Amino acid sequence: MTEIDVIVADASHAAYADDICNEILLSARERGTGIARRTPEYITEKMQAGKAVIAVSKDGRFAGFSYIETWGGKEYVANSGLIVAHEFRGIGLAMRIKRRIFQLSREKFPNAKIFSITTGAAVMKMNYELGFRPVTFAALTDDPEFWKGCQGCRNYQILESNEHRMCLCTGLLYDPAEHIEVLSPAHPEIANLKDGEQKRNNNE
């Protein structure tokens, strides 16, 4: 099996922008579902800003991609454009990319709500595993610029006729306020706390 690196993209990966856009369009046509089209220039901007994750095989072939968008004054973050090249499907690469773009979103925007809209069952499953939950579109950003991005989708008229309240996509949301970290007894913070308590007890 070909070894594949999943890394944060940068300007050096701009040469893959055309391949990424073509793969996204081809996959949408095969599924017969709508998708918001993106240009190579837009993809390149995401790479240059450090807001994208790319998968590249050891022999230099493009294998997969995803990127971050921010909305509502960075209150909301969207993980978008998840794609795996045809020859690299069926080996769990999509989940590796999804986990890395999710991690990158949390690193860059720790307090932001992360959301996704999709028609794909596989993407929904991956989101559920990361702690996303299904929500109505009303729970997503009301930033008009986000919804303008859907204009390239074949289902945009459905969205528009419903005043952006529903479409064929499912809305999925990760709210960091709903996920409180539970520290294990072996966690350094717990260990330090116990050491401090023991010292106080010895001094009493």
N, C-alpha and C. Protein backbone atom coordinates (compact mmCIF):
# COMPACT_ATOMS: atom_id res chain seq x y z
N MET A 1 0.85 -1.21 0.00
CA MET A 1 0.00 0.00 0.00
C MET A 1 0.88 1.25 0.00
N THR A 2 0.54 2.22 -0.83
CA THR A 2 1.30 3.45 -0.92
C THR A 2 1.19 4.25 0.38
N GLU A 3 2.34 4.72 0.88
CA GLU A 3 2.34 5.54 2.08
C GLU A 3 1.84 6.94 1.73
N ILE A 4 0.99 7.49 2.58
CA ILE A 4 0.38 8.79 2.31
C ILE A 4 0.56 9.70 3.51
N ASP A 5 1.02 10.91 3.27
CA ASP A 5 1.14 11.93 4.31
C ASP A 5 -0.09 12.82 4.31
N VAL A 6 -0.65 13.07 5.48
CA VAL A 6 -1.76 14.00 5.64
C VAL A 6 -1.24 15.17 6.45
N ILE A 7 -1.10 16.32 5.80
CA ILE A 7 -0.41 17.46 6.41
C ILE A 7 -1.17 18.76 6.16
N VAL A 8 -0.80 19.79 6.92
CA VAL A 8 -1.35 21.13 6.67
C VAL A 8 -0.72 21.66 5.39
N ALA A 9 -1.56 22.07 4.46
CA ALA A 9 -1.07 22.55 3.17
C ALA A 9 -0.46 23.93 3.29
N ASP A 10 0.44 24.25 2.36
CA ASP A 10 1.02 25.59 2.28
C ASP A 10 1.17 25.96 0.81
N ALA A 11 1.85 27.07 0.55
CA ALA A 11 1.96 27.57 -0.81
C ALA A 11 2.63 26.58 -1.76
N SER A 12 3.46 25.71 -1.22
CA SER A 12 4.18 24.76 -2.07
C SER A 12 3.24 23.72 -2.70
N HIS A 13 2.02 23.63 -2.19
CA HIS A 13 1.06 22.64 -2.70
C HIS A 13 0.10 23.23 -3.74
N ALA A 14 0.32 24.48 -4.13
CA ALA A 14 -0.58 25.14 -5.09
C ALA A 14 -0.67 24.39 -6.42
N ALA A 15 0.37 23.64 -6.76
CA ALA A 15 0.37 22.90 -8.02
C ALA A 15 -0.74 21.85 -8.08
N TYR A 16 -1.29 21.49 -6.92
CA TYR A 16 -2.35 20.48 -6.88
C TYR A 16 -3.76 21.10 -6.99
N ALA A 17 -3.85 22.42 -7.04
CA ALA A 17 -5.16 23.08 -6.99
C ALA A 17 -6.09 22.64 -8.11
N ASP A 18 -5.56 22.53 -9.33
CA ASP A 18 -6.40 22.09 -10.46
C ASP A 18 -6.90 20.66 -10.25
N ASP A 19 -6.02 19.78 -9.79
CA ASP A 19 -6.42 18.39 -9.53
C ASP A 19 -7.51 18.32 -8.48
N ILE A 20 -7.40 19.14 -7.45
CA ILE A 20 -8.39 19.16 -6.37
C ILE A 20 -9.75 19.58 -6.90
N CYS A 21 -9.79 20.67 -7.64
CA CYS A 21 -11.06 21.16 -8.19
C CYS A 21 -11.68 20.15 -9.14
N ASN A 22 -10.87 19.53 -9.98
CA ASN A 22 -11.39 18.53 -10.92
C ASN A 22 -11.95 17.32 -10.19
N GLU A 23 -11.29 16.88 -9.12
CA GLU A 23 -11.75 15.73 -8.36
C GLU A 23 -13.06 16.03 -7.65
N ILE A 24 -13.18 17.23 -7.10
CA ILE A 24 -14.41 17.64 -6.43
C ILE A 24 -15.58 17.64 -7.41
N LEU A 25 -15.37 18.21 -8.59
CA LEU A 25 -16.42 18.28 -9.61
C LEU A 25 -16.80 16.89 -10.12
N LEU A 26 -15.81 16.06 -10.38
CA LEU A 26 -16.07 14.71 -10.88
C LEU A 26 -16.86 13.89 -9.87
N SER A 27 -16.50 14.00 -8.60
CA SER A 27 -17.19 13.24 -7.56
C SER A 27 -18.63 13.69 -7.42
N ALA A 28 -18.87 14.99 -7.54
CA ALA A 28 -20.23 15.51 -7.45
C ALA A 28 -21.09 14.97 -8.59
N ARG A 29 -20.52 14.92 -9.77
CA ARG A 29 -21.27 14.42 -10.93
C ARG A 29 -21.59 12.94 -10.77
N GLU A 30 -20.65 12.18 -10.22
CA GLU A 30 -20.86 10.75 -10.03
C GLU A 30 -21.97 10.48 -9.02
N ARG A 31 -22.01 11.29 -7.95
CA ARG A 31 -23.03 11.10 -6.92
C ARG A 31 -24.38 11.65 -7.35
N GLY A 32 -24.36 12.56 -8.32
CA GLY A 32 -25.60 13.20 -8.74
C GLY A 32 -26.13 14.17 -7.71
N THR A 33 -25.23 14.68 -6.86
CA THR A 33 -25.63 15.61 -5.81
C THR A 33 -25.05 16.99 -6.09
N GLY A 34 -25.57 17.96 -5.40
CA GLY A 34 -25.08 19.31 -5.56
C GLY A 34 -23.78 19.53 -4.82
N ILE A 35 -23.01 20.50 -5.27
CA ILE A 35 -21.78 20.88 -4.57
C ILE A 35 -21.44 22.31 -4.94
N ALA A 36 -20.93 23.04 -3.96
CA ALA A 36 -20.52 24.41 -4.22
C ALA A 36 -19.15 24.37 -4.91
N ARG A 37 -19.08 24.83 -6.14
CA ARG A 37 -17.84 24.77 -6.90
C ARG A 37 -16.84 25.78 -6.40
N ARG A 38 -15.57 25.41 -6.44
CA ARG A 38 -14.48 26.28 -6.01
C ARG A 38 -13.46 26.37 -7.14
N THR A 39 -12.78 27.52 -7.24
CA THR A 39 -11.78 27.73 -8.27
C THR A 39 -10.40 27.36 -7.75
N PRO A 40 -9.46 27.07 -8.63
CA PRO A 40 -8.08 26.80 -8.20
C PRO A 40 -7.49 27.97 -7.41
N GLU A 41 -7.88 29.19 -7.77
CA GLU A 41 -7.37 30.37 -7.05
C GLU A 41 -7.86 30.38 -5.61
N TYR A 42 -9.11 30.00 -5.42
CA TYR A 42 -9.67 29.95 -4.06
C TYR A 42 -8.96 28.88 -3.23
N ILE A 43 -8.75 27.71 -3.81
CA ILE A 43 -8.07 26.62 -3.12
C ILE A 43 -6.65 27.04 -2.76
N THR A 44 -5.97 27.72 -3.68
CA THR A 44 -4.60 28.17 -3.43
C THR A 44 -4.56 29.16 -2.27
N GLU A 45 -5.54 30.05 -2.20
CA GLU A 45 -5.60 31.02 -1.10
C GLU A 45 -5.69 30.31 0.26
N LYS A 46 -6.48 29.25 0.31
CA LYS A 46 -6.62 28.48 1.55
C LYS A 46 -5.29 27.84 1.94
N MET A 47 -4.58 27.32 0.97
CA MET A 47 -3.27 26.73 1.23
C MET A 47 -2.29 27.76 1.77
N GLN A 48 -2.25 28.90 1.12
CA GLN A 48 -1.31 29.95 1.52
C GLN A 48 -1.60 30.48 2.92
N ALA A 49 -2.87 30.43 3.33
CA ALA A 49 -3.27 30.92 4.64
C ALA A 49 -3.13 29.86 5.74
N GLY A 50 -2.71 28.66 5.38
CA GLY A 50 -2.59 27.59 6.36
C GLY A 50 -3.93 27.08 6.84
N LYS A 51 -4.95 27.18 5.99
CA LYS A 51 -6.30 26.76 6.35
C LYS A 51 -6.78 25.58 5.50
N ALA A 52 -5.87 24.68 5.21
CA ALA A 52 -6.22 23.51 4.41
C ALA A 52 -5.34 22.34 4.80
N VAL A 53 -5.86 21.16 4.56
CA VAL A 53 -5.13 19.91 4.80
C VAL A 53 -5.08 19.15 3.48
N ILE A 54 -3.93 18.63 3.15
CA ILE A 54 -3.77 17.89 1.90
C ILE A 54 -3.13 16.53 2.19
N ALA A 55 -3.54 15.54 1.43
CA ALA A 55 -2.95 14.21 1.51
C ALA A 55 -2.16 13.98 0.22
N VAL A 56 -0.90 13.61 0.38
CA VAL A 56 -0.02 13.41 -0.78
C VAL A 56 0.72 12.09 -0.60
N SER A 57 0.75 11.28 -1.65
CA SER A 57 1.46 10.01 -1.59
C SER A 57 2.97 10.27 -1.63
N LYS A 58 3.73 9.27 -1.20
CA LYS A 58 5.18 9.42 -1.17
C LYS A 58 5.77 9.66 -2.55
N ASP A 59 5.06 9.20 -3.59
CA ASP A 59 5.56 9.44 -4.95
C ASP A 59 4.99 10.72 -5.57
N GLY A 60 4.37 11.56 -4.71
CA GLY A 60 3.97 12.90 -5.15
C GLY A 60 2.60 13.04 -5.74
N ARG A 61 1.75 12.00 -5.66
CA ARG A 61 0.41 12.10 -6.22
C ARG A 61 -0.57 12.70 -5.22
N PHE A 62 -1.48 13.55 -5.73
CA PHE A 62 -2.53 14.11 -4.90
C PHE A 62 -3.47 12.99 -4.47
N ALA A 63 -3.77 12.93 -3.16
CA ALA A 63 -4.62 11.85 -2.65
C ALA A 63 -5.89 12.35 -1.97
N GLY A 64 -5.89 13.56 -1.41
CA GLY A 64 -7.08 14.06 -0.74
C GLY A 64 -6.90 15.47 -0.24
N PHE A 65 -8.02 16.08 0.20
CA PHE A 65 -7.98 17.50 0.55
C PHE A 65 -9.19 17.90 1.38
N SER A 66 -9.03 18.95 2.19
CA SER A 66 -10.15 19.62 2.87
C SER A 66 -9.65 21.00 3.30
N TYR A 67 -10.58 21.93 3.53
CA TYR A 67 -10.17 23.27 3.92
C TYR A 67 -11.12 23.89 4.94
N ILE A 68 -10.68 24.99 5.52
CA ILE A 68 -11.43 25.70 6.56
C ILE A 68 -11.95 27.03 6.02
N GLU A 69 -13.18 27.34 6.38
CA GLU A 69 -13.75 28.67 6.13
C GLU A 69 -14.25 29.23 7.47
N THR A 70 -14.15 30.54 7.67
CA THR A 70 -14.67 31.17 8.89
C THR A 70 -15.80 32.11 8.54
N TRP A 71 -16.78 32.18 9.45
CA TRP A 71 -17.98 32.98 9.20
C TRP A 71 -18.43 33.66 10.49
N GLY A 72 -19.21 34.72 10.33
CA GLY A 72 -19.77 35.39 11.49
C GLY A 72 -18.72 35.92 12.44
N GLY A 73 -17.70 36.60 11.90
CA GLY A 73 -16.65 37.14 12.75
C GLY A 73 -15.86 36.04 13.45
N LYS A 74 -15.65 34.90 12.76
CA LYS A 74 -14.91 33.74 13.25
C LYS A 74 -15.62 33.03 14.40
N GLU A 75 -16.89 33.31 14.59
CA GLU A 75 -17.68 32.58 15.58
C GLU A 75 -17.99 31.17 15.09
N TYR A 76 -18.04 31.02 13.77
CA TYR A 76 -18.32 29.73 13.16
C TYR A 76 -17.18 29.35 12.20
N VAL A 77 -16.88 28.07 12.17
CA VAL A 77 -15.89 27.53 11.25
C VAL A 77 -16.54 26.39 10.48
N ALA A 78 -16.31 26.36 9.18
CA ALA A 78 -16.82 25.27 8.36
C ALA A 78 -15.66 24.42 7.86
N ASN A 79 -15.79 23.11 8.01
CA ASN A 79 -14.86 22.17 7.38
C ASN A 79 -15.46 21.79 6.04
N SER A 80 -14.81 22.17 4.97
CA SER A 80 -15.42 22.06 3.64
C SER A 80 -14.52 21.31 2.67
N GLY A 81 -15.14 20.94 1.54
CA GLY A 81 -14.40 20.41 0.40
C GLY A 81 -13.68 19.10 0.62
N LEU A 82 -14.15 18.27 1.57
CA LEU A 82 -13.47 16.99 1.81
C LEU A 82 -13.56 16.10 0.58
N ILE A 83 -12.40 15.69 0.09
CA ILE A 83 -12.37 14.86 -1.11
C ILE A 83 -11.19 13.89 -1.04
N VAL A 84 -11.40 12.70 -1.58
CA VAL A 84 -10.32 11.71 -1.71
C VAL A 84 -10.25 11.31 -3.17
N ALA A 85 -9.07 11.34 -3.75
CA ALA A 85 -8.89 10.95 -5.15
C ALA A 85 -9.31 9.49 -5.34
N HIS A 86 -9.86 9.19 -6.49
CA HIS A 86 -10.44 7.87 -6.75
C HIS A 86 -9.49 6.71 -6.44
N GLU A 87 -8.25 6.84 -6.83
CA GLU A 87 -7.32 5.72 -6.68
C GLU A 87 -6.91 5.46 -5.24
N PHE A 88 -7.29 6.38 -4.32
CA PHE A 88 -6.91 6.23 -2.92
C PHE A 88 -8.12 6.00 -2.01
N ARG A 89 -9.24 5.64 -2.60
CA ARG A 89 -10.43 5.42 -1.79
C ARG A 89 -10.46 4.00 -1.22
N GLY A 90 -11.22 3.86 -0.13
CA GLY A 90 -11.38 2.55 0.47
C GLY A 90 -10.28 2.13 1.42
N ILE A 91 -9.41 3.08 1.82
CA ILE A 91 -8.31 2.74 2.73
C ILE A 91 -8.35 3.59 4.01
N GLY A 92 -9.48 4.24 4.26
CA GLY A 92 -9.62 5.03 5.48
C GLY A 92 -9.00 6.42 5.43
N LEU A 93 -8.65 6.88 4.23
CA LEU A 93 -7.99 8.17 4.11
C LEU A 93 -8.92 9.33 4.44
N ALA A 94 -10.19 9.22 4.08
CA ALA A 94 -11.13 10.32 4.34
C ALA A 94 -11.18 10.65 5.83
N MET A 95 -11.20 9.63 6.69
CA MET A 95 -11.25 9.88 8.12
C MET A 95 -9.97 10.52 8.62
N ARG A 96 -8.83 10.14 8.07
CA ARG A 96 -7.56 10.76 8.45
C ARG A 96 -7.58 12.26 8.11
N ILE A 97 -8.08 12.59 6.92
CA ILE A 97 -8.16 13.99 6.52
C ILE A 97 -9.16 14.73 7.40
N LYS A 98 -10.31 14.10 7.65
CA LYS A 98 -11.35 14.73 8.47
C LYS A 98 -10.83 15.03 9.87
N ARG A 99 -10.12 14.08 10.47
CA ARG A 99 -9.59 14.29 11.81
C ARG A 99 -8.56 15.42 11.82
N ARG A 100 -7.74 15.48 10.78
CA ARG A 100 -6.69 16.53 10.75
C ARG A 100 -7.28 17.90 10.51
N ILE A 101 -8.29 18.05 9.66
CA ILE A 101 -8.88 19.36 9.43
C ILE A 101 -9.68 19.79 10.65
N PHE A 102 -10.28 18.84 11.35
CA PHE A 102 -10.98 19.14 12.59
C PHE A 102 -9.98 19.62 13.64
N GLN A 103 -8.86 18.93 13.77
CA GLN A 103 -7.82 19.32 14.72
C GLN A 103 -7.28 20.71 14.40
N LEU A 104 -7.05 20.97 13.10
CA LEU A 104 -6.54 22.27 12.68
C LEU A 104 -7.54 23.37 13.01
N SER A 105 -8.82 23.09 12.84
CA SER A 105 -9.87 24.07 13.17
C SER A 105 -9.86 24.38 14.66
N ARG A 106 -9.71 23.36 15.49
CA ARG A 106 -9.68 23.55 16.94
C ARG A 106 -8.44 24.32 17.38
N GLU A 107 -7.32 24.08 16.68
CA GLU A 107 -6.08 24.78 17.01
C GLU A 107 -6.17 26.27 16.66
N LYS A 108 -6.69 26.56 15.49
CA LYS A 108 -6.75 27.95 15.01
C LYS A 108 -7.90 28.74 15.63
N PHE A 109 -9.02 28.06 15.87
CA PHE A 109 -10.22 28.74 16.36
C PHE A 109 -10.84 27.93 17.50
N PRO A 110 -10.18 27.89 18.67
CA PRO A 110 -10.61 26.99 19.76
C PRO A 110 -12.00 27.26 20.31
N ASN A 111 -12.50 28.47 20.16
CA ASN A 111 -13.82 28.80 20.71
C ASN A 111 -14.92 28.81 19.67
N ALA A 112 -14.58 28.55 18.43
CA ALA A 112 -15.56 28.61 17.35
C ALA A 112 -16.40 27.34 17.29
N LYS A 113 -17.64 27.50 16.84
CA LYS A 113 -18.49 26.36 16.55
C LYS A 113 -18.13 25.87 15.15
N ILE A 114 -17.93 24.56 15.03
CA ILE A 114 -17.52 23.98 13.75
C ILE A 114 -18.73 23.30 13.11
N PHE A 115 -18.98 23.60 11.85
CA PHE A 115 -20.15 23.00 11.22
C PHE A 115 -19.84 22.48 9.82
N SER A 116 -20.73 21.64 9.37
CA SER A 116 -20.61 21.03 8.05
C SER A 116 -22.01 20.83 7.50
N ILE A 117 -22.16 21.01 6.19
CA ILE A 117 -23.42 20.63 5.56
C ILE A 117 -23.07 19.63 4.46
N THR A 118 -23.80 18.54 4.42
CA THR A 118 -23.45 17.47 3.49
C THR A 118 -24.67 16.63 3.12
N THR A 119 -24.57 15.97 1.99
CA THR A 119 -25.57 14.98 1.59
C THR A 119 -25.01 13.57 1.71
N GLY A 120 -23.74 13.46 2.08
CA GLY A 120 -23.07 12.16 2.10
C GLY A 120 -23.17 11.44 3.43
N ALA A 121 -23.63 10.19 3.40
CA ALA A 121 -23.76 9.40 4.63
C ALA A 121 -22.40 9.16 5.28
N ALA A 122 -21.36 8.95 4.47
CA ALA A 122 -20.03 8.68 5.02
C ALA A 122 -19.50 9.89 5.77
N VAL A 123 -19.73 11.09 5.24
CA VAL A 123 -19.28 12.32 5.91
C VAL A 123 -20.06 12.51 7.21
N MET A 124 -21.35 12.24 7.18
CA MET A 124 -22.15 12.34 8.41
C MET A 124 -21.61 11.42 9.49
N LYS A 125 -21.28 10.19 9.13
CA LYS A 125 -20.76 9.22 10.09
C LYS A 125 -19.45 9.71 10.70
N MET A 126 -18.57 10.25 9.87
CA MET A 126 -17.29 10.76 10.38
C MET A 126 -17.52 11.91 11.35
N ASN A 127 -18.45 12.80 11.00
CA ASN A 127 -18.74 13.93 11.88
C ASN A 127 -19.30 13.47 13.22
N TYR A 128 -20.20 12.49 13.19
CA TYR A 128 -20.76 11.96 14.44
C TYR A 128 -19.65 11.43 15.34
N GLU A 129 -18.68 10.74 14.75
CA GLU A 129 -17.59 10.17 15.53
C GLU A 129 -16.71 11.25 16.17
N LEU A 130 -16.71 12.44 15.61
CA LEU A 130 -15.92 13.54 16.16
C LEU A 130 -16.72 14.40 17.14
N GLY A 131 -17.99 14.07 17.34
CA GLY A 131 -18.79 14.81 18.31
C GLY A 131 -19.76 15.80 17.73
N PHE A 132 -19.93 15.80 16.40
CA PHE A 132 -20.92 16.66 15.77
C PHE A 132 -22.32 16.10 16.03
N ARG A 133 -23.32 16.97 15.95
CA ARG A 133 -24.71 16.53 16.06
C ARG A 133 -25.52 17.20 14.95
N PRO A 134 -26.58 16.55 14.49
CA PRO A 134 -27.41 17.15 13.44
C PRO A 134 -28.20 18.33 13.99
N VAL A 135 -28.29 19.39 13.21
CA VAL A 135 -29.01 20.60 13.62
C VAL A 135 -29.77 21.15 12.42
N THR A 136 -30.71 22.02 12.71
CA THR A 136 -31.39 22.74 11.64
C THR A 136 -30.45 23.83 11.13
N PHE A 137 -30.73 24.32 9.94
CA PHE A 137 -29.90 25.38 9.38
C PHE A 137 -29.92 26.64 10.24
N ALA A 138 -30.97 26.81 11.05
CA ALA A 138 -31.07 27.99 11.91
C ALA A 138 -29.97 28.01 12.95
N ALA A 139 -29.39 26.83 13.27
CA ALA A 139 -28.32 26.75 14.26
C ALA A 139 -26.95 27.04 13.66
N LEU A 140 -26.90 27.18 12.34
CA LEU A 140 -25.65 27.46 11.66
C LEU A 140 -25.49 28.97 11.49
N THR A 141 -24.38 29.37 10.92
CA THR A 141 -24.13 30.79 10.75
C THR A 141 -25.21 31.46 9.90
N ASP A 142 -25.53 32.70 10.26
CA ASP A 142 -26.46 33.47 9.43
C ASP A 142 -25.70 34.44 8.53
N ASP A 143 -24.40 34.26 8.43
CA ASP A 143 -23.56 35.09 7.57
C ASP A 143 -24.00 34.89 6.12
N PRO A 144 -24.49 35.95 5.45
CA PRO A 144 -24.98 35.79 4.07
C PRO A 144 -23.90 35.34 3.10
N GLU A 145 -22.64 35.64 3.41
CA GLU A 145 -21.56 35.25 2.51
C GLU A 145 -21.42 33.73 2.44
N PHE A 146 -21.73 33.05 3.55
CA PHE A 146 -21.66 31.59 3.52
C PHE A 146 -22.67 31.04 2.54
N TRP A 147 -23.89 31.52 2.63
CA TRP A 147 -24.95 30.98 1.77
C TRP A 147 -24.75 31.37 0.31
N LYS A 148 -24.04 32.48 0.06
CA LYS A 148 -23.71 32.83 -1.31
C LYS A 148 -22.82 31.76 -1.94
N GLY A 149 -22.01 31.11 -1.07
CA GLY A 149 -21.11 30.07 -1.56
C GLY A 149 -21.85 28.87 -2.10
N CYS A 150 -23.13 28.75 -1.77
CA CYS A 150 -23.93 27.63 -2.26
C CYS A 150 -24.52 27.90 -3.64
N GLN A 151 -24.31 29.08 -4.17
CA GLN A 151 -24.93 29.42 -5.45
C GLN A 151 -24.46 28.54 -6.59
N GLY A 152 -23.26 27.96 -6.46
CA GLY A 152 -22.75 27.10 -7.51
C GLY A 152 -23.30 25.68 -7.42
N CYS A 153 -24.09 25.42 -6.39
CA CYS A 153 -24.66 24.08 -6.19
C CYS A 153 -25.92 23.91 -7.03
N ARG A 154 -26.13 22.72 -7.56
CA ARG A 154 -27.29 22.47 -8.42
C ARG A 154 -28.60 22.54 -7.62
N ASN A 155 -28.50 22.44 -6.29
CA ASN A 155 -29.71 22.48 -5.45
C ASN A 155 -29.97 23.86 -4.85
N TYR A 156 -29.27 24.87 -5.33
CA TYR A 156 -29.38 26.19 -4.70
C TYR A 156 -30.81 26.73 -4.74
N GLN A 157 -31.55 26.43 -5.78
CA GLN A 157 -32.94 26.94 -5.87
C GLN A 157 -33.80 26.38 -4.74
N ILE A 158 -33.52 25.16 -4.33
CA ILE A 158 -34.26 24.57 -3.20
C ILE A 158 -33.95 25.34 -1.93
N LEU A 159 -32.68 25.63 -1.71
CA LEU A 159 -32.27 26.39 -0.53
C LEU A 159 -32.89 27.78 -0.54
N GLU A 160 -32.85 28.42 -1.68
CA GLU A 160 -33.37 29.79 -1.81
C GLU A 160 -34.88 29.82 -1.61
N SER A 161 -35.58 28.84 -2.15
CA SER A 161 -37.04 28.82 -2.02
C SER A 161 -37.48 28.59 -0.58
N ASN A 162 -36.58 28.00 0.23
CA ASN A 162 -36.88 27.77 1.65
C ASN A 162 -36.24 28.83 2.55
N GLU A 163 -35.80 29.94 1.94
CA GLU A 163 -35.21 31.06 2.68
C GLU A 163 -34.06 30.62 3.57
N HIS A 164 -33.23 29.71 3.03
CA HIS A 164 -32.02 29.21 3.71
C HIS A 164 -32.33 28.43 4.98
N ARG A 165 -33.56 27.96 5.14
CA ARG A 165 -33.92 27.21 6.34
C ARG A 165 -33.71 25.70 6.16
N MET A 166 -33.72 25.22 4.93
CA MET A 166 -33.53 23.79 4.68
C MET A 166 -33.16 23.57 3.22
N CYS A 167 -32.53 22.41 2.99
CA CYS A 167 -32.18 22.00 1.63
C CYS A 167 -32.01 20.49 1.65
N LEU A 168 -31.34 19.92 0.65
CA LEU A 168 -31.11 18.49 0.65
C LEU A 168 -29.94 18.10 1.56
N CYS A 169 -29.11 19.06 1.92
CA CYS A 169 -28.00 18.82 2.82
C CYS A 169 -28.49 18.70 4.26
N THR A 170 -27.71 17.99 5.07
CA THR A 170 -27.94 17.92 6.52
C THR A 170 -26.92 18.81 7.20
N GLY A 171 -27.38 19.62 8.16
CA GLY A 171 -26.49 20.46 8.93
C GLY A 171 -25.94 19.70 10.14
N LEU A 172 -24.62 19.81 10.37
CA LEU A 172 -23.97 19.13 11.49
C LEU A 172 -23.12 20.16 12.24
N LEU A 173 -23.17 20.11 13.57
CA LEU A 173 -22.52 21.15 14.37
C LEU A 173 -21.70 20.54 15.51
N TYR A 174 -20.50 21.08 15.72
CA TYR A 174 -19.69 20.77 16.89
C TYR A 174 -19.56 22.06 17.69
N ASP A 175 -20.13 22.08 18.89
CA ASP A 175 -20.07 23.25 19.76
C ASP A 175 -19.10 22.93 20.89
N PRO A 176 -17.94 23.61 20.97
CA PRO A 176 -16.96 23.29 22.02
C PRO A 176 -17.52 23.46 23.43
N ALA A 177 -18.53 24.30 23.59
CA ALA A 177 -19.13 24.49 24.91
C ALA A 177 -19.85 23.24 25.40
N GLU A 178 -20.18 22.34 24.48
CA GLU A 178 -20.88 21.11 24.83
C GLU A 178 -19.93 19.96 25.13
N HIS A 179 -18.63 20.20 24.94
CA HIS A 179 -17.65 19.13 25.12
C HIS A 179 -16.65 19.53 26.20
N ILE A 180 -16.89 19.07 27.42
CA ILE A 180 -16.02 19.37 28.54
C ILE A 180 -15.01 18.24 28.68
N GLU A 181 -13.73 18.59 28.71
CA GLU A 181 -12.69 17.58 28.80
C GLU A 181 -12.69 16.94 30.18
N VAL A 182 -12.70 15.63 30.21
CA VAL A 182 -12.61 14.89 31.46
C VAL A 182 -11.20 14.35 31.58
N LEU A 183 -10.48 14.77 32.62
CA LEU A 183 -9.08 14.38 32.79
C LEU A 183 -8.98 13.04 33.50
N SER A 184 -8.10 12.19 33.02
CA SER A 184 -7.88 10.90 33.65
C SER A 184 -6.98 11.07 34.87
N PRO A 185 -6.97 10.10 35.80
CA PRO A 185 -6.10 10.20 36.98
C PRO A 185 -4.62 10.34 36.64
N ALA A 186 -4.23 9.85 35.46
CA ALA A 186 -2.82 9.93 35.06
C ALA A 186 -2.46 11.25 34.41
N HIS A 187 -3.46 12.11 34.15
CA HIS A 187 -3.21 13.39 33.48
C HIS A 187 -2.32 14.26 34.37
N PRO A 188 -1.32 14.98 33.79
CA PRO A 188 -0.41 15.82 34.58
C PRO A 188 -1.12 16.80 35.51
N GLU A 189 -2.23 17.38 35.05
CA GLU A 189 -2.92 18.34 35.90
C GLU A 189 -3.49 17.68 37.16
N ILE A 190 -3.99 16.45 37.00
CA ILE A 190 -4.52 15.72 38.14
C ILE A 190 -3.38 15.33 39.08
N ALA A 191 -2.26 14.86 38.49
CA ALA A 191 -1.11 14.46 39.29
C ALA A 191 -0.57 15.62 40.10
N ASN A 192 -0.48 16.80 39.48
CA ASN A 192 0.01 17.99 40.19
C ASN A 192 -0.92 18.38 41.31
N LEU A 193 -2.24 18.24 41.05
CA LEU A 193 -3.22 18.58 42.06
C LEU A 193 -3.07 17.65 43.27
N LYS A 194 -2.88 16.35 43.00
CA LYS A 194 -2.73 15.39 44.09
C LYS A 194 -1.47 15.65 44.89
N ASP A 195 -0.37 16.02 44.20
CA ASP A 195 0.88 16.33 44.89
C ASP A 195 0.70 17.51 45.82
N GLY A 196 -0.04 18.52 45.32
CA GLY A 196 -0.27 19.72 46.14
C GLY A 196 -1.10 19.40 47.36
N GLU A 197 -2.11 18.55 47.17
CA GLU A 197 -2.96 18.17 48.30
C GLU A 197 -2.17 17.38 49.34
N GLN A 198 -1.28 16.50 48.88
CA GLN A 198 -0.49 15.68 49.79
C GLN A 198 0.45 16.57 50.62
N LYS A 199 1.05 17.57 49.97
CA LYS A 199 1.94 18.47 50.68
C LYS A 199 1.21 19.26 51.74
N ARG A 200 -0.02 19.69 51.41
CA ARG A 200 -0.80 20.44 52.40
C ARG A 200 -1.16 19.55 53.59
N ASN A 201 -1.50 18.30 53.28
CA ASN A 201 -1.85 17.38 54.36
C ASN A 201 -0.66 17.12 55.27
N ASN A 202 0.53 17.04 54.71
CA ASN A 202 1.72 16.78 55.50
C ASN A 202 2.08 17.97 56.40
N ASN A 203 1.68 19.16 55.97
CA ASN A 203 2.00 20.37 56.74
C ASN A 203 0.96 20.66 57.81
N GLU A 204 -0.16 19.96 57.76
CA GLU A 204 -1.23 20.23 58.73
C GLU A 204 -1.00 19.47 60.04
